[in-house]
Amino acid sequence: MKIKADENIPFRLVTVLRNAGHDVHTVPDEGLTSRPDMDIWSAARREGRFLITQDLDFSDMRQFRPGTHPGLLVVRLRAPGAVALAARVSAALKTTSIESLAGCLAVLTERKLRIKRA
């Protein structure tokens, strides 16, 4: 799957996703660091990439309506260190494939994965 990792996603998770066979581009690699959210969102949509971020602004369903984009995963952990974040996302993707989240707005917390479909 084509994925864009926001600048707040640790490289440890990017490596996990790449090792799972996904085509992952990162915001820093593309020179989009510190750019407005809409610039990152536009790049992800233009490239047809599923966006993974910790930025809560992307959880607004009115603005990022399911079915109108390649997909979006917002990760919200109380202690979002690199190791914890990579472990939580990896665990979630063992029970729910990232491909099944295409076109959805998904929010992942310590306790659950909420998925909003079109």
N, C-alpha and C. Protein backbone atom coordinates (compact mmCIF):
# COMPACT_ATOMS: atom_id res chain seq x y z
N MET A 1 0.85 -1.18 0.00
CA MET A 1 0.00 0.00 0.00
C MET A 1 0.89 1.23 0.00
N LYS A 2 0.42 2.28 -0.65
CA LYS A 2 1.14 3.55 -0.66
C LYS A 2 0.77 4.36 0.57
N ILE A 3 1.80 4.70 1.36
CA ILE A 3 1.59 5.38 2.64
C ILE A 3 2.45 6.63 2.71
N LYS A 4 1.92 7.67 3.35
CA LYS A 4 2.71 8.86 3.69
C LYS A 4 2.73 8.94 5.21
N ALA A 5 3.94 9.01 5.79
CA ALA A 5 4.10 9.14 7.23
C ALA A 5 4.39 10.60 7.55
N ASP A 6 3.57 11.17 8.41
CA ASP A 6 3.74 12.56 8.81
C ASP A 6 5.05 12.71 9.58
N GLU A 7 5.50 13.93 9.78
CA GLU A 7 6.77 14.17 10.46
C GLU A 7 6.76 13.71 11.91
N ASN A 8 5.59 13.53 12.50
CA ASN A 8 5.50 13.10 13.89
C ASN A 8 5.44 11.58 14.04
N ILE A 9 5.67 10.87 12.96
CA ILE A 9 5.70 9.41 12.98
C ILE A 9 7.17 8.97 13.03
N PRO A 10 7.55 8.18 14.04
CA PRO A 10 8.96 7.80 14.17
C PRO A 10 9.43 6.89 13.05
N PHE A 11 10.72 7.03 12.74
CA PHE A 11 11.28 6.23 11.66
C PHE A 11 11.19 4.73 11.97
N ARG A 12 11.15 4.38 13.23
CA ARG A 12 11.00 2.98 13.63
C ARG A 12 9.72 2.39 13.01
N LEU A 13 8.63 3.15 13.03
CA LEU A 13 7.38 2.68 12.43
C LEU A 13 7.47 2.65 10.91
N VAL A 14 8.13 3.64 10.33
CA VAL A 14 8.33 3.66 8.88
C VAL A 14 9.05 2.38 8.46
N THR A 15 10.07 2.00 9.21
CA THR A 15 10.83 0.78 8.90
C THR A 15 9.95 -0.46 8.99
N VAL A 16 9.12 -0.52 10.03
CA VAL A 16 8.19 -1.65 10.19
C VAL A 16 7.26 -1.75 8.97
N LEU A 17 6.72 -0.62 8.56
CA LEU A 17 5.80 -0.60 7.41
C LEU A 17 6.51 -0.99 6.12
N ARG A 18 7.71 -0.48 5.93
CA ARG A 18 8.48 -0.84 4.72
C ARG A 18 8.81 -2.33 4.72
N ASN A 19 9.20 -2.85 5.87
CA ASN A 19 9.52 -4.28 5.97
C ASN A 19 8.30 -5.16 5.71
N ALA A 20 7.11 -4.60 5.91
CA ALA A 20 5.87 -5.33 5.62
C ALA A 20 5.48 -5.21 4.14
N GLY A 21 6.31 -4.52 3.36
CA GLY A 21 6.08 -4.44 1.92
C GLY A 21 5.36 -3.19 1.44
N HIS A 22 5.15 -2.23 2.32
CA HIS A 22 4.45 -1.00 1.93
C HIS A 22 5.42 0.02 1.33
N ASP A 23 4.91 0.82 0.42
CA ASP A 23 5.66 1.90 -0.21
C ASP A 23 5.43 3.15 0.64
N VAL A 24 6.40 3.49 1.49
CA VAL A 24 6.23 4.57 2.46
C VAL A 24 7.08 5.77 2.09
N HIS A 25 6.44 6.90 1.94
CA HIS A 25 7.12 8.19 1.80
C HIS A 25 6.96 8.93 3.12
N THR A 26 7.97 9.69 3.50
CA THR A 26 7.87 10.46 4.75
C THR A 26 7.85 11.95 4.45
N VAL A 27 7.17 12.68 5.30
CA VAL A 27 7.11 14.14 5.16
C VAL A 27 8.51 14.74 5.18
N PRO A 28 9.41 14.33 6.10
CA PRO A 28 10.76 14.91 6.07
C PRO A 28 11.51 14.62 4.77
N ASP A 29 11.40 13.40 4.26
CA ASP A 29 12.10 13.05 3.02
C ASP A 29 11.62 13.88 1.83
N GLU A 30 10.39 14.34 1.89
CA GLU A 30 9.82 15.11 0.78
C GLU A 30 9.95 16.61 0.98
N GLY A 31 10.64 17.03 2.04
CA GLY A 31 10.83 18.46 2.28
C GLY A 31 9.58 19.18 2.74
N LEU A 32 8.65 18.46 3.36
CA LEU A 32 7.40 19.06 3.80
C LEU A 32 7.36 19.32 5.31
N THR A 33 8.48 19.13 6.00
CA THR A 33 8.54 19.35 7.44
C THR A 33 8.13 20.78 7.78
N SER A 34 7.30 20.91 8.80
CA SER A 34 6.79 22.19 9.31
C SER A 34 5.85 22.91 8.34
N ARG A 35 5.41 22.22 7.31
CA ARG A 35 4.44 22.80 6.39
C ARG A 35 3.05 22.69 6.99
N PRO A 36 2.13 23.54 6.56
CA PRO A 36 0.75 23.46 7.07
C PRO A 36 0.12 22.09 6.77
N ASP A 37 -0.80 21.69 7.64
CA ASP A 37 -1.48 20.41 7.48
C ASP A 37 -2.05 20.22 6.08
N MET A 38 -2.62 21.26 5.54
CA MET A 38 -3.27 21.13 4.23
C MET A 38 -2.25 20.86 3.12
N ASP A 39 -1.02 21.32 3.26
CA ASP A 39 0.02 20.99 2.27
C ASP A 39 0.33 19.50 2.32
N ILE A 40 0.42 18.97 3.52
CA ILE A 40 0.71 17.54 3.68
C ILE A 40 -0.48 16.71 3.18
N TRP A 41 -1.67 17.14 3.53
CA TRP A 41 -2.89 16.46 3.09
C TRP A 41 -2.99 16.48 1.56
N SER A 42 -2.72 17.61 0.96
CA SER A 42 -2.78 17.73 -0.50
C SER A 42 -1.78 16.79 -1.17
N ALA A 43 -0.57 16.73 -0.61
CA ALA A 43 0.46 15.84 -1.18
C ALA A 43 0.02 14.38 -1.07
N ALA A 44 -0.51 14.01 0.08
CA ALA A 44 -0.96 12.62 0.27
C ALA A 44 -2.08 12.27 -0.72
N ARG A 45 -3.03 13.15 -0.87
CA ARG A 45 -4.15 12.89 -1.79
C ARG A 45 -3.68 12.85 -3.24
N ARG A 46 -2.83 13.80 -3.60
CA ARG A 46 -2.31 13.86 -4.97
C ARG A 46 -1.57 12.58 -5.34
N GLU A 47 -0.84 12.03 -4.38
CA GLU A 47 -0.05 10.82 -4.61
C GLU A 47 -0.84 9.54 -4.35
N GLY A 48 -2.09 9.68 -3.88
CA GLY A 48 -2.91 8.51 -3.58
C GLY A 48 -2.36 7.71 -2.41
N ARG A 49 -1.84 8.42 -1.40
CA ARG A 49 -1.22 7.77 -0.25
C ARG A 49 -2.09 7.85 1.00
N PHE A 50 -2.14 6.76 1.71
CA PHE A 50 -2.78 6.65 3.02
C PHE A 50 -1.89 7.43 4.00
N LEU A 51 -2.46 8.36 4.75
CA LEU A 51 -1.69 9.20 5.66
C LEU A 51 -1.75 8.66 7.09
N ILE A 52 -0.57 8.54 7.72
CA ILE A 52 -0.49 8.18 9.13
C ILE A 52 0.10 9.37 9.87
N THR A 53 -0.59 9.80 10.92
CA THR A 53 -0.18 11.00 11.67
C THR A 53 -0.58 10.88 13.13
N GLN A 54 0.02 11.74 13.94
CA GLN A 54 -0.42 11.90 15.33
C GLN A 54 -1.14 13.23 15.52
N ASP A 55 -1.30 13.97 14.45
CA ASP A 55 -1.90 15.30 14.50
C ASP A 55 -3.41 15.19 14.62
N LEU A 56 -3.93 15.59 15.76
CA LEU A 56 -5.36 15.47 16.05
C LEU A 56 -6.22 16.30 15.11
N ASP A 57 -5.67 17.33 14.48
CA ASP A 57 -6.44 18.14 13.53
C ASP A 57 -7.01 17.28 12.40
N PHE A 58 -6.33 16.18 12.07
CA PHE A 58 -6.79 15.32 10.98
C PHE A 58 -7.97 14.43 11.38
N SER A 59 -8.40 14.48 12.62
CA SER A 59 -9.52 13.63 13.04
C SER A 59 -10.88 14.28 12.83
N ASP A 60 -10.92 15.46 12.24
CA ASP A 60 -12.17 16.17 11.98
C ASP A 60 -12.89 15.53 10.79
N MET A 61 -13.95 14.77 11.07
CA MET A 61 -14.66 14.06 10.00
C MET A 61 -15.35 14.99 9.01
N ARG A 62 -15.64 16.20 9.42
CA ARG A 62 -16.27 17.13 8.48
C ARG A 62 -15.29 17.54 7.40
N GLN A 63 -14.03 17.69 7.77
CA GLN A 63 -13.02 18.12 6.82
C GLN A 63 -12.37 16.95 6.08
N PHE A 64 -12.25 15.81 6.75
CA PHE A 64 -11.58 14.64 6.18
C PHE A 64 -12.58 13.48 6.11
N ARG A 65 -13.65 13.74 5.38
CA ARG A 65 -14.79 12.81 5.29
C ARG A 65 -14.38 11.47 4.67
N PRO A 66 -14.68 10.38 5.35
CA PRO A 66 -14.37 9.06 4.80
C PRO A 66 -14.95 8.88 3.40
N GLY A 67 -14.20 8.20 2.56
CA GLY A 67 -14.64 7.95 1.19
C GLY A 67 -14.21 9.02 0.21
N THR A 68 -13.59 10.10 0.70
CA THR A 68 -13.18 11.20 -0.18
C THR A 68 -11.66 11.27 -0.31
N HIS A 69 -10.96 10.27 0.22
CA HIS A 69 -9.50 10.30 0.23
C HIS A 69 -8.96 8.87 0.31
N PRO A 70 -7.64 8.69 0.13
CA PRO A 70 -7.05 7.34 0.16
C PRO A 70 -7.08 6.67 1.54
N GLY A 71 -7.28 7.43 2.59
CA GLY A 71 -7.34 6.87 3.93
C GLY A 71 -6.46 7.64 4.89
N LEU A 72 -6.81 7.54 6.17
CA LEU A 72 -6.14 8.35 7.18
C LEU A 72 -6.17 7.61 8.51
N LEU A 73 -5.00 7.48 9.14
CA LEU A 73 -4.89 6.89 10.47
C LEU A 73 -4.30 7.93 11.40
N VAL A 74 -5.08 8.31 12.42
CA VAL A 74 -4.63 9.24 13.44
C VAL A 74 -4.32 8.42 14.69
N VAL A 75 -3.07 8.48 15.14
CA VAL A 75 -2.65 7.71 16.31
C VAL A 75 -2.61 8.65 17.51
N ARG A 76 -3.36 8.29 18.55
CA ARG A 76 -3.47 9.11 19.76
C ARG A 76 -3.13 8.28 20.99
N LEU A 77 -1.87 8.32 21.39
CA LEU A 77 -1.43 7.60 22.58
C LEU A 77 -1.12 8.59 23.69
N ARG A 78 -1.36 8.17 24.93
CA ARG A 78 -1.04 9.04 26.07
C ARG A 78 0.45 9.28 26.19
N ALA A 79 1.25 8.26 25.93
CA ALA A 79 2.71 8.36 25.97
C ALA A 79 3.25 7.92 24.62
N PRO A 80 3.26 8.84 23.65
CA PRO A 80 3.55 8.47 22.26
C PRO A 80 5.04 8.42 21.89
N GLY A 81 5.85 7.72 22.67
CA GLY A 81 7.25 7.57 22.30
C GLY A 81 7.38 6.69 21.06
N ALA A 82 8.56 6.72 20.47
CA ALA A 82 8.80 5.98 19.23
C ALA A 82 8.53 4.49 19.38
N VAL A 83 9.01 3.90 20.46
CA VAL A 83 8.83 2.47 20.68
C VAL A 83 7.36 2.14 20.90
N ALA A 84 6.69 2.90 21.75
CA ALA A 84 5.27 2.65 22.05
C ALA A 84 4.41 2.82 20.80
N LEU A 85 4.69 3.85 20.02
CA LEU A 85 3.90 4.11 18.83
C LEU A 85 4.07 2.99 17.80
N ALA A 86 5.32 2.60 17.55
CA ALA A 86 5.57 1.52 16.58
C ALA A 86 4.93 0.22 17.05
N ALA A 87 5.02 -0.06 18.34
CA ALA A 87 4.43 -1.29 18.87
C ALA A 87 2.92 -1.29 18.76
N ARG A 88 2.28 -0.17 19.08
CA ARG A 88 0.81 -0.11 19.06
C ARG A 88 0.28 -0.21 17.64
N VAL A 89 0.90 0.51 16.72
CA VAL A 89 0.44 0.44 15.32
C VAL A 89 0.68 -0.96 14.76
N SER A 90 1.83 -1.54 15.05
CA SER A 90 2.13 -2.90 14.58
C SER A 90 1.11 -3.90 15.11
N ALA A 91 0.78 -3.78 16.40
CA ALA A 91 -0.21 -4.69 16.99
C ALA A 91 -1.58 -4.52 16.33
N ALA A 92 -1.97 -3.29 16.09
CA ALA A 92 -3.28 -3.03 15.47
C ALA A 92 -3.33 -3.59 14.05
N LEU A 93 -2.21 -3.51 13.34
CA LEU A 93 -2.19 -3.98 11.96
C LEU A 93 -2.08 -5.49 11.85
N LYS A 94 -1.90 -6.17 12.97
CA LYS A 94 -1.94 -7.63 12.96
C LYS A 94 -3.37 -8.14 12.95
N THR A 95 -4.29 -7.32 13.46
CA THR A 95 -5.69 -7.74 13.51
C THR A 95 -6.56 -7.02 12.47
N THR A 96 -6.07 -5.89 11.97
CA THR A 96 -6.79 -5.13 10.95
C THR A 96 -5.79 -4.72 9.89
N SER A 97 -5.95 -5.20 8.68
CA SER A 97 -4.98 -4.85 7.63
C SER A 97 -5.10 -3.37 7.27
N ILE A 98 -3.98 -2.78 6.97
CA ILE A 98 -3.99 -1.36 6.59
C ILE A 98 -4.78 -1.17 5.29
N GLU A 99 -4.77 -2.18 4.44
CA GLU A 99 -5.54 -2.09 3.19
C GLU A 99 -7.03 -1.97 3.47
N SER A 100 -7.51 -2.57 4.55
CA SER A 100 -8.94 -2.49 4.88
C SER A 100 -9.33 -1.09 5.37
N LEU A 101 -8.34 -0.25 5.65
CA LEU A 101 -8.60 1.11 6.11
C LEU A 101 -8.60 2.12 4.95
N ALA A 102 -8.38 1.65 3.74
CA ALA A 102 -8.37 2.55 2.58
C ALA A 102 -9.69 3.31 2.50
N GLY A 103 -9.60 4.61 2.34
CA GLY A 103 -10.78 5.45 2.23
C GLY A 103 -11.44 5.79 3.56
N CYS A 104 -10.92 5.24 4.64
CA CYS A 104 -11.51 5.44 5.97
C CYS A 104 -10.76 6.51 6.76
N LEU A 105 -11.42 6.99 7.80
CA LEU A 105 -10.78 7.80 8.82
C LEU A 105 -10.72 6.91 10.06
N ALA A 106 -9.51 6.53 10.47
CA ALA A 106 -9.34 5.65 11.61
C ALA A 106 -8.56 6.37 12.71
N VAL A 107 -8.97 6.14 13.95
CA VAL A 107 -8.29 6.72 15.10
C VAL A 107 -7.87 5.56 16.00
N LEU A 108 -6.57 5.48 16.28
CA LEU A 108 -6.01 4.41 17.08
C LEU A 108 -5.57 4.96 18.44
N THR A 109 -6.06 4.34 19.51
CA THR A 109 -5.66 4.70 20.87
C THR A 109 -5.04 3.46 21.51
N GLU A 110 -4.67 3.58 22.79
CA GLU A 110 -4.13 2.43 23.51
C GLU A 110 -5.14 1.29 23.58
N ARG A 111 -6.41 1.64 23.63
CA ARG A 111 -7.45 0.65 23.88
C ARG A 111 -8.17 0.12 22.65
N LYS A 112 -8.28 0.95 21.61
CA LYS A 112 -9.07 0.49 20.47
C LYS A 112 -8.73 1.23 19.19
N LEU A 113 -9.24 0.67 18.10
CA LEU A 113 -9.14 1.28 16.77
C LEU A 113 -10.56 1.59 16.33
N ARG A 114 -10.87 2.89 16.20
CA ARG A 114 -12.19 3.31 15.71
C ARG A 114 -12.06 3.61 14.23
N ILE A 115 -12.97 3.05 13.45
CA ILE A 115 -12.93 3.21 12.00
C ILE A 115 -14.23 3.84 11.53
N LYS A 116 -14.11 4.93 10.80
CA LYS A 116 -15.26 5.58 10.18
C LYS A 116 -15.18 5.33 8.68
N ARG A 117 -16.18 4.67 8.16
CA ARG A 117 -16.22 4.37 6.72
C ARG A 117 -17.21 5.28 6.03
N ALA A 118 -17.09 5.33 4.71
CA ALA A 118 -17.99 6.18 3.90
C ALA A 118 -19.42 5.71 4.02
